[in-house]
């Protein structure tokens, strides 16, 4: 196995391209204008309800600063919104490295951009299974697939990408951008990385805990089994 070891990185990374997909939309009214203030040319790539919410916040500026993920990737969302961000261009943008010439060639080959920040929080699985009348099907449909993938990819590449998973951190991010001329420091990216992996670990533990306690008798009666 050949490992991709990095030797050269940037201490501060200017936020030019942001990927946003959130279940909890609180704080977006603060974050989104702040990102545009820090960089008037920032592009925010988004999907579904998050795209609409950001569009409402930006108003006329949406035409300049907001891009739908499907328009960027050239792939429409799967019916029911099950597949929106699982695309090569997205993960190339998340995992590419600034000083890797091969990665630059890959980005150019598919007309992709390096994504500098991911703003993602996950489907409310814990809140769903805490309900007294929850069913395994209600729990199953609240298992997020694309969200954890985006978080893990961006957190792995904290050397370049900010992985933002908690609305409580929006203020810190905006302060960082304001104090550092629109860039996010390595120190902040590392802190966000630690929080991101703790977030996905907690999420997976909740899923495992709920389904680990089920028996086949809890599931069979929910469906018309052919």
Protein backbone atom coordinates (compact mmCIF):
# COMPACT_ATOMS: atom_id res chain seq x y z
CA UNK A 1 0.00 0.00 0.00
CA UNK A 2 1.37 3.38 -1.04
CA UNK A 3 0.64 6.15 1.48
CA UNK A 4 0.09 9.73 0.40
CA UNK A 5 2.32 11.60 2.86
CA UNK A 6 2.28 15.41 2.84
CA UNK A 7 5.33 17.54 3.58
CA UNK A 8 4.29 21.08 2.62
CA UNK A 9 1.10 22.93 3.61
CA UNK A 10 -0.22 26.45 4.12
CA UNK A 11 -0.56 27.81 7.65
CA UNK A 12 -3.51 30.00 6.66
CA UNK A 13 -6.06 28.99 4.01
CA UNK A 14 -8.23 31.57 2.26
CA UNK A 15 -11.86 30.48 2.08
CA UNK A 16 -12.80 30.68 -1.60
CA UNK A 17 -15.07 27.63 -1.94
CA UNK A 18 -17.47 26.32 0.72
CA UNK A 19 -19.61 23.17 0.70
CA UNK A 20 -22.70 23.52 2.90
CA UNK A 21 -25.34 20.91 3.76
CA UNK A 22 -26.94 21.14 7.19
CA UNK A 23 -29.87 19.57 8.98
CA UNK A 24 -29.67 22.15 11.76
CA UNK A 25 -29.89 25.49 9.96
CA UNK A 26 -29.55 27.65 13.06
CA UNK A 27 -26.83 30.26 12.76
CA UNK A 28 -26.74 30.33 8.96
CA UNK A 29 -28.11 33.87 9.03
CA UNK A 30 -24.88 34.83 10.83
CA UNK A 31 -22.42 32.55 9.04
CA UNK A 32 -23.36 33.12 5.41
CA UNK A 33 -23.17 36.95 5.38
CA UNK A 34 -19.94 36.66 7.38
CA UNK A 35 -18.37 34.40 4.76
CA UNK A 36 -19.35 36.86 2.02
CA UNK A 37 -18.00 39.79 4.03
CA UNK A 38 -14.69 37.97 4.45
CA UNK A 39 -14.51 37.18 0.73
CA UNK A 40 -17.04 38.87 -1.58
CA UNK A 41 -16.14 36.36 -4.32
CA UNK A 42 -16.73 33.24 -2.19
CA UNK A 43 -18.69 30.44 -3.84
CA UNK A 44 -21.00 28.39 -1.63
CA UNK A 45 -22.02 24.99 -3.04
CA UNK A 46 -25.17 23.58 -1.50
CA UNK A 47 -28.13 21.22 -1.85
CA UNK A 48 -31.83 20.89 -1.09
CA UNK A 49 -33.19 22.76 1.90
CA UNK A 50 -29.80 24.25 2.74
CA UNK A 51 -29.52 25.71 -0.76
CA UNK A 52 -32.94 27.35 -0.37
CA UNK A 53 -32.13 28.69 3.10
CA UNK A 54 -28.84 30.20 1.92
CA UNK A 55 -30.55 31.65 -1.13
CA UNK A 56 -33.09 33.38 1.10
CA UNK A 57 -30.31 34.79 3.28
CA UNK A 58 -28.23 36.05 0.33
CA UNK A 59 -31.12 37.51 -1.64
CA UNK A 60 -29.83 39.16 -4.81
CA UNK A 61 -26.27 38.10 -4.00
CA UNK A 62 -27.23 34.44 -4.44
CA UNK A 63 -26.66 34.71 -8.18
CA UNK A 64 -23.01 35.52 -7.54
CA UNK A 65 -22.20 33.50 -4.43
CA UNK A 66 -24.46 30.41 -4.43
CA UNK A 67 -24.12 27.32 -6.63
CA UNK A 68 -26.24 24.17 -6.49
CA UNK A 69 -24.22 20.99 -6.12
CA UNK A 70 -26.12 19.37 -9.00
CA UNK A 71 -25.19 22.27 -11.29
CA UNK A 72 -21.56 21.92 -10.21
CA UNK A 73 -21.33 18.15 -10.58
CA UNK A 74 -23.61 17.87 -13.60
CA UNK A 75 -25.53 15.12 -11.82
CA UNK A 76 -29.13 15.53 -10.61
CA UNK A 77 -30.03 14.42 -7.11
CA UNK A 78 -31.35 10.89 -6.69
CA UNK A 79 -35.10 10.78 -6.22
CA UNK A 80 -35.94 11.35 -2.57
CA UNK A 81 -32.66 13.20 -2.09
CA UNK A 82 -30.81 10.00 -1.19
CA UNK A 83 -27.72 10.88 -3.26
CA UNK A 84 -26.71 14.54 -3.52
CA UNK A 85 -23.03 15.01 -2.72
CA UNK A 86 -21.44 11.58 -3.30
CA UNK A 87 -19.59 12.64 -6.43
CA UNK A 88 -15.99 12.47 -7.64
CA UNK A 89 -15.74 16.24 -8.14
CA UNK A 90 -16.83 16.85 -4.55
CA UNK A 91 -14.29 14.47 -3.00
CA UNK A 92 -11.52 15.54 -5.32
CA UNK A 93 -12.19 19.07 -4.07
CA UNK A 94 -12.10 17.93 -0.44
CA UNK A 95 -9.06 15.66 -0.53
CA UNK A 96 -6.77 17.44 -2.99
CA UNK A 97 -3.60 19.02 -1.64
CA UNK A 98 -2.34 22.49 -2.48
CA UNK A 99 1.22 21.54 -3.40
CA UNK A 100 0.49 18.24 -5.15
CA UNK A 101 0.91 18.79 -8.89
CA UNK A 102 -0.94 15.57 -9.73
CA UNK A 103 -3.91 16.75 -7.69
CA UNK A 104 -3.88 20.06 -9.56
CA UNK A 105 -3.99 18.11 -12.81
CA UNK A 106 -6.90 16.04 -11.49
CA UNK A 107 -8.83 19.18 -10.56
CA UNK A 108 -8.25 20.65 -13.99
CA UNK A 109 -9.16 17.43 -15.76
CA UNK A 110 -12.75 17.50 -14.46
CA UNK A 111 -13.06 21.29 -14.02
CA UNK A 112 -13.26 20.93 -10.23
CA UNK A 113 -12.38 23.40 -7.48
CA UNK A 114 -10.51 22.89 -4.23
CA UNK A 115 -13.08 23.14 -1.43
CA UNK A 116 -11.69 25.09 1.52
CA UNK A 117 -14.50 24.66 4.05
CA UNK A 118 -17.28 22.17 4.72
CA UNK A 119 -20.27 23.22 6.81
CA UNK A 120 -22.18 20.03 7.61
CA UNK A 121 -24.29 18.66 10.41
CA UNK A 122 -26.13 15.37 10.30
CA UNK A 123 -29.67 14.04 10.19
CA UNK A 124 -31.15 14.09 13.72
CA UNK A 125 -30.72 10.39 14.47
CA UNK A 126 -30.39 10.70 18.27
CA UNK A 127 -33.40 13.00 18.49
CA UNK A 128 -35.42 10.61 16.34
CA UNK A 129 -34.68 7.46 18.34
CA UNK A 130 -35.38 9.32 21.59
CA UNK A 131 -39.04 9.59 20.61
CA UNK A 132 -41.36 7.21 22.45
CA UNK A 133 -43.07 6.01 19.25
CA UNK A 134 -39.92 5.57 17.15
CA UNK A 135 -39.83 2.62 14.76
CA UNK A 136 -36.79 0.97 13.18
CA UNK A 137 -37.90 2.44 9.84
CA UNK A 138 -37.98 5.95 11.27
CA UNK A 139 -34.50 5.37 12.65
CA UNK A 140 -33.20 3.85 9.42
CA UNK A 141 -34.32 6.75 7.26
CA UNK A 142 -32.48 9.17 9.58
CA UNK A 143 -29.11 7.52 8.96
CA UNK A 144 -27.04 10.12 7.13
CA UNK A 145 -24.67 8.83 4.45
CA UNK A 146 -23.33 11.82 2.53
CA UNK A 147 -22.90 13.99 5.63
CA UNK A 148 -20.44 11.72 7.47
CA UNK A 149 -18.52 11.18 4.23
CA UNK A 150 -18.09 14.92 3.73
CA UNK A 151 -17.13 15.45 7.36
CA UNK A 152 -14.58 12.64 7.35
CA UNK A 153 -13.01 13.70 4.05
CA UNK A 154 -12.69 17.35 5.07
CA UNK A 155 -11.46 16.47 8.56
CA UNK A 156 -8.86 14.07 7.16
CA UNK A 157 -7.58 16.92 4.99
CA UNK A 158 -7.52 19.46 7.83
CA UNK A 159 -4.12 20.42 6.42
CA UNK A 160 -6.13 22.52 3.95
CA UNK A 161 -9.87 22.21 4.72
CA UNK A 162 -11.97 23.50 7.63
CA UNK A 163 -14.55 20.93 8.76
CA UNK A 164 -17.33 22.85 10.53
CA UNK A 165 -19.90 20.60 12.23
CA UNK A 166 -21.32 22.69 15.08
CA UNK A 167 -23.29 25.94 14.68
CA UNK A 168 -21.80 27.00 18.01
CA UNK A 169 -18.46 27.37 16.20
CA UNK A 170 -19.73 29.81 13.55
CA UNK A 171 -18.79 32.83 15.64
CA UNK A 172 -15.26 31.50 16.16
CA UNK A 173 -14.90 30.88 12.41
CA UNK A 174 -16.03 34.40 11.54
CA UNK A 175 -13.68 35.90 14.13
CA UNK A 176 -10.85 33.85 12.65
CA UNK A 177 -11.62 35.15 9.18
CA UNK A 178 -11.91 38.75 10.34
CA UNK A 179 -8.70 38.69 12.35
CA UNK A 180 -6.65 36.91 9.67
CA UNK A 181 -7.67 38.69 6.46
CA UNK A 182 -10.10 36.01 5.33
CA UNK A 183 -8.02 32.91 6.08
CA UNK A 184 -8.41 30.08 8.58
CA UNK A 185 -5.33 29.11 10.59
CA UNK A 186 -3.90 25.62 10.95
CA UNK A 187 -4.63 25.79 14.68
CA UNK A 188 -8.33 26.39 14.03
CA UNK A 189 -8.46 23.67 11.35
CA UNK A 190 -6.93 21.15 13.75
CA UNK A 191 -9.45 22.03 16.47
CA UNK A 192 -12.30 21.64 13.98
CA UNK A 193 -10.88 18.30 12.82
CA UNK A 194 -10.88 16.91 16.36
CA UNK A 195 -14.47 18.00 16.88
CA UNK A 196 -15.54 16.59 13.51
CA UNK A 197 -14.28 13.08 14.20
CA UNK A 198 -15.81 13.13 17.68
CA UNK A 199 -19.10 14.12 16.04
CA UNK A 200 -19.11 11.24 13.54
CA UNK A 201 -17.97 8.77 16.22
CA UNK A 202 -20.87 9.78 18.46
CA UNK A 203 -23.26 9.53 15.52
CA UNK A 204 -22.13 6.01 14.56
CA UNK A 205 -22.26 4.91 18.19
CA UNK A 206 -25.88 6.06 18.43
CA UNK A 207 -26.79 4.10 15.29
CA UNK A 208 -24.99 0.99 16.47
CA UNK A 209 -26.58 1.24 19.89
CA UNK A 210 -30.13 1.51 18.54
CA UNK A 211 -29.94 -1.24 15.93
CA UNK A 212 -27.80 -3.46 18.13
CA UNK A 213 -30.79 -3.90 20.43
CA UNK A 214 -33.20 -5.04 17.71
CA UNK A 215 -34.33 -8.55 16.88
CA UNK A 216 -35.74 -9.76 13.57
CA UNK A 217 -39.19 -9.75 15.16
CA UNK A 218 -38.87 -5.99 15.65
CA UNK A 219 -38.33 -5.50 11.93
CA UNK A 220 -40.34 -8.06 9.95
CA UNK A 221 -43.76 -6.71 10.86
CA UNK A 222 -42.94 -3.24 9.50
CA UNK A 223 -42.75 -4.25 5.86
CA UNK A 224 -44.50 -6.21 3.17
CA UNK A 225 -41.77 -8.81 2.85
CA UNK A 226 -41.84 -10.41 -0.62
